Amino acid sequence: MTSGIYLMTALAGALYVLLPGPAFLALFSLSASRGRGAGVRFISGHLIGDIFWGTLAFAAIIGVNQLGPTLFDMLGIGCGLYLCWLGYKAVTAREEHLAPVGASRPLMTGVLFGLTNPKAYPVSVAMFTALTAQYATSFSWDAAPYLLASAIAGFIAADIVLIWAAGLAPVRRLFQRHGLIITRITGLMFIAFGAKSLVDAGRGIAARN
């Protein structure tokens, strides 16, 4: 195993975190209204989910322990319902009651976001596969801990970049000035992700029946 595979794995981990999505917008909204400290707690909790899904992605890529489709369909239903609930709360928010997702418990919300993201598994598999494909034939379970460590390094590096950007004054002013609009747009995105997860899970279950 050359150093190139570990560098590409770290890069894949960083790009996976930096892809815009519900957690991305939630972090910026939370940091704008509650400061970098709340953002750090949120992203620290989210890191748990990144590590969990990254581990499953490597298991799938290496081919040692593929998990059955039924489990992911059931998980997809739970993820979809959770995101739709968050989206409904965001879309129906009022200015006087406006609070970003995770304002009261940023750490726990970050954990839930990380673990219930319906796109996490397929996106992580695709990202790691695309950037490390040239090394795939040399993958082994013995190397998995080192690959995961490289991915975690990429996750953390990207998290630091996001926290830095989310705490910049112009970015915070943008989210504070247009917070209600951004919150509602974020809510619509949550609902769209949730609906997509429910539809995909339903199709998967129907196809096996």
Protein backbone atom coordinates (compact mmCIF):
# COMPACT_ATOMS: atom_id res chain seq x y z
CA MET A 1 0.00 0.00 0.00
CA THR A 2 1.51 3.32 -1.06
CA SER A 3 1.06 6.67 0.62
CA GLY A 4 -1.02 7.76 -2.36
CA ILE A 5 -4.02 5.72 -1.30
CA TYR A 6 -4.04 7.30 2.16
CA LEU A 7 -3.79 10.80 0.71
CA MET A 8 -6.65 10.11 -1.71
CA THR A 9 -8.72 8.58 1.09
CA ALA A 10 -8.21 11.71 3.23
CA LEU A 11 -9.16 13.89 0.24
CA ALA A 12 -12.30 11.82 -0.34
CA GLY A 13 -13.26 12.24 3.32
CA ALA A 14 -12.79 16.01 3.13
CA LEU A 15 -14.82 16.37 -0.07
CA TYR A 16 -17.59 14.23 1.38
CA VAL A 17 -17.94 16.63 4.34
CA LEU A 18 -17.71 19.76 2.16
CA LEU A 19 -20.56 18.71 -0.16
CA PRO A 20 -23.49 21.09 0.55
CA GLY A 21 -26.49 19.47 2.18
CA PRO A 22 -28.90 19.86 5.13
CA ALA A 23 -26.16 19.58 7.77
CA PHE A 24 -24.05 22.13 5.88
CA LEU A 25 -26.85 24.72 6.00
CA ALA A 26 -27.77 23.81 9.56
CA LEU A 27 -24.19 24.45 10.69
CA PHE A 28 -24.05 27.89 9.07
CA SER A 29 -27.45 28.93 10.45
CA LEU A 30 -26.55 27.72 13.92
CA SER A 31 -23.16 29.45 13.93
CA ALA A 32 -24.73 32.71 12.74
CA SER A 33 -27.22 32.87 15.60
CA ARG A 34 -25.39 31.06 18.40
CA GLY A 35 -21.72 31.56 17.56
CA ARG A 36 -18.83 29.29 16.65
CA GLY A 37 -19.10 27.38 19.94
CA ALA A 38 -22.50 25.97 19.02
CA GLY A 39 -21.21 25.19 15.55
CA VAL A 40 -18.26 23.29 16.99
CA ARG A 41 -20.56 21.18 19.17
CA PHE A 42 -22.86 20.47 16.22
CA ILE A 43 -20.07 19.45 13.88
CA SER A 44 -18.40 17.36 16.60
CA GLY A 45 -21.60 15.37 16.97
CA HIS A 46 -21.93 15.07 13.21
CA LEU A 47 -18.43 13.59 13.04
CA ILE A 48 -19.77 10.47 14.79
CA GLY A 49 -22.13 9.89 11.87
CA ASP A 50 -19.36 10.55 9.34
CA ILE A 51 -17.20 7.89 10.97
CA PHE A 52 -20.09 5.43 11.16
CA TRP A 53 -21.03 5.76 7.49
CA GLY A 54 -17.39 5.87 6.42
CA THR A 55 -16.81 2.57 8.19
CA LEU A 56 -19.76 0.97 6.39
CA ALA A 57 -18.53 2.39 3.10
CA PHE A 58 -15.13 0.77 3.52
CA ALA A 59 -16.76 -2.52 4.50
CA ALA A 60 -18.75 -2.42 1.26
CA ILE A 61 -15.80 -1.39 -0.90
CA ILE A 62 -13.51 -4.05 0.51
CA GLY A 63 -16.31 -6.58 0.17
CA VAL A 64 -15.88 -8.16 3.59
CA ASN A 65 -19.17 -7.41 5.26
CA GLN A 66 -21.97 -6.20 3.00
CA LEU A 67 -25.13 -5.38 4.95
CA GLY A 68 -28.47 -6.51 3.59
CA PRO A 69 -30.75 -4.14 1.63
CA THR A 70 -33.70 -4.58 4.00
CA LEU A 71 -31.76 -2.95 6.84
CA PHE A 72 -30.97 0.09 4.72
CA ASP A 73 -34.56 0.36 3.51
CA MET A 74 -35.83 0.40 7.10
CA LEU A 75 -33.16 2.90 8.04
CA GLY A 76 -34.15 4.99 5.03
CA ILE A 77 -37.74 5.17 6.27
CA GLY A 78 -36.59 6.38 9.68
CA CYS A 79 -34.25 8.91 8.09
CA GLY A 80 -36.98 10.16 5.75
CA LEU A 81 -39.52 10.68 8.52
CA TYR A 82 -36.97 12.47 10.70
CA LEU A 83 -35.94 14.87 7.93
CA CYS A 84 -39.55 15.57 6.95
CA TRP A 85 -40.32 16.44 10.59
CA LEU A 86 -37.34 18.81 10.77
CA GLY A 87 -38.32 20.32 7.42
CA TYR A 88 -41.89 20.94 8.56
CA LYS A 89 -40.66 22.75 11.67
CA ALA A 90 -38.33 24.92 9.58
CA VAL A 91 -40.88 25.77 6.86
CA THR A 92 -43.53 26.77 9.41
CA ALA A 93 -41.13 28.81 11.56
CA ARG A 94 -42.08 32.40 12.37
CA GLU A 95 -39.72 35.32 12.77
CA GLU A 96 -40.45 35.83 16.44
CA HIS A 97 -39.93 32.12 17.18
CA LEU A 98 -37.10 31.59 14.76
CA ALA A 99 -34.35 29.36 16.06
CA PRO A 100 -31.96 27.34 13.93
CA VAL A 101 -32.06 23.56 14.00
CA GLY A 102 -30.02 22.39 16.97
CA ALA A 103 -30.11 25.67 18.86
CA SER A 104 -31.05 24.02 22.16
CA ARG A 105 -28.90 20.85 21.90
CA PRO A 106 -26.31 21.30 19.13
CA LEU A 107 -24.17 18.29 20.06
CA MET A 108 -27.05 15.78 20.12
CA THR A 109 -28.59 17.30 16.99
CA GLY A 110 -25.26 16.92 15.22
CA VAL A 111 -25.14 13.24 16.20
CA LEU A 112 -28.67 12.68 14.88
CA PHE A 113 -27.91 14.53 11.66
CA GLY A 114 -24.80 12.46 11.11
CA LEU A 115 -26.42 9.11 11.82
CA THR A 116 -29.75 9.68 10.01
CA ASN A 117 -28.52 11.24 6.78
CA PRO A 118 -30.13 9.10 4.03
CA LYS A 119 -27.54 10.04 1.43
CA ALA A 120 -24.54 9.35 3.66
CA TYR A 121 -23.95 5.70 2.78
CA PRO A 122 -24.29 5.89 -1.03
CA VAL A 123 -22.43 9.21 -1.23
CA SER A 124 -19.56 7.99 0.94
CA VAL A 125 -19.27 4.77 -1.05
CA ALA A 126 -19.29 6.71 -4.32
CA MET A 127 -16.78 9.30 -3.11
CA PHE A 128 -14.29 6.83 -1.68
CA THR A 129 -14.64 4.51 -4.67
CA ALA A 130 -14.16 7.29 -7.22
CA LEU A 131 -11.00 8.69 -5.65
CA THR A 132 -9.37 5.41 -4.67
CA ALA A 133 -10.44 3.22 -7.60
CA GLN A 134 -6.89 2.82 -8.90
CA TYR A 135 -5.91 1.21 -5.60
CA ALA A 136 -9.02 -0.99 -5.20
CA THR A 137 -7.27 -4.23 -6.12
CA SER A 138 -4.85 -3.80 -3.23
CA PHE A 139 -7.54 -3.16 -0.60
CA SER A 140 -7.54 -5.58 2.30
CA TRP A 141 -9.23 -5.78 5.66
CA ASP A 142 -5.83 -5.45 7.36
CA ALA A 143 -5.46 -2.00 5.82
CA ALA A 144 -9.00 -0.89 6.76
CA PRO A 145 -8.03 0.76 10.10
CA TYR A 146 -5.39 2.87 8.35
CA LEU A 147 -7.79 3.81 5.57
CA LEU A 148 -10.44 4.79 8.11
CA ALA A 149 -7.87 6.86 10.03
CA SER A 150 -7.01 8.68 6.79
CA ALA A 151 -10.69 9.33 6.12
CA ILE A 152 -11.20 10.67 9.66
CA ALA A 153 -8.26 13.04 9.13
CA GLY A 154 -10.04 14.31 6.02
CA PHE A 155 -13.32 14.67 7.91
CA ILE A 156 -11.69 16.72 10.66
CA ALA A 157 -9.77 18.95 8.23
CA ALA A 158 -12.99 19.75 6.37
CA ASP A 159 -14.86 20.36 9.64
CA ILE A 160 -12.23 22.92 10.64
CA VAL A 161 -12.66 24.72 7.32
CA LEU A 162 -16.45 24.80 7.72
CA ILE A 163 -16.25 26.11 11.30
CA TRP A 164 -13.84 28.84 10.20
CA ALA A 165 -16.08 29.88 7.28
CA ALA A 166 -19.29 29.73 9.31
CA GLY A 167 -17.86 32.12 11.92
CA LEU A 168 -16.81 34.84 9.47
CA ALA A 169 -18.61 38.13 10.06
CA PRO A 170 -19.98 38.56 6.49
CA VAL A 171 -21.33 35.02 6.51
CA ARG A 172 -22.95 35.48 9.92
CA ARG A 173 -24.52 38.78 8.82
CA LEU A 174 -25.97 37.10 5.72
CA PHE A 175 -27.60 34.36 7.78
CA GLN A 176 -28.79 36.81 10.45
CA ARG A 177 -30.30 39.24 7.93
CA HIS A 178 -32.06 36.60 5.85
CA GLY A 179 -32.42 33.95 8.53
CA LEU A 180 -36.13 33.25 8.04
CA ILE A 181 -35.84 32.82 4.28
CA ILE A 182 -32.74 30.62 4.62
CA THR A 183 -34.42 28.56 7.34
CA ARG A 184 -37.47 27.93 5.17
CA ILE A 185 -35.36 27.06 2.14
CA THR A 186 -33.39 24.68 4.33
CA GLY A 187 -36.67 23.18 5.53
CA LEU A 188 -37.78 22.53 1.95
CA MET A 189 -34.46 20.82 1.33
CA PHE A 190 -34.98 18.65 4.41
CA ILE A 191 -38.44 17.64 3.17
CA ALA A 192 -37.09 16.88 -0.31
CA PHE A 193 -34.32 14.68 1.10
CA GLY A 194 -36.80 12.98 3.42
CA ALA A 195 -39.32 12.32 0.64
CA LYS A 196 -36.59 10.94 -1.61
CA SER A 197 -35.47 8.60 1.16
CA LEU A 198 -39.04 7.37 1.74
CA VAL A 199 -39.65 6.81 -1.98
CA ASP A 200 -36.38 4.93 -2.44
CA ALA A 201 -37.04 2.75 0.60
CA GLY A 202 -40.58 2.01 -0.59
CA ARG A 203 -39.37 1.02 -4.02
CA GLY A 204 -36.71 -1.22 -2.52
CA ILE A 205 -39.21 -3.03 -0.30
CA ALA A 206 -41.73 -3.36 -3.16
CA ALA A 207 -39.11 -4.79 -5.49
CA ARG A 208 -38.36 -7.63 -3.07
CA ASN A 209 -42.03 -8.50 -2.46
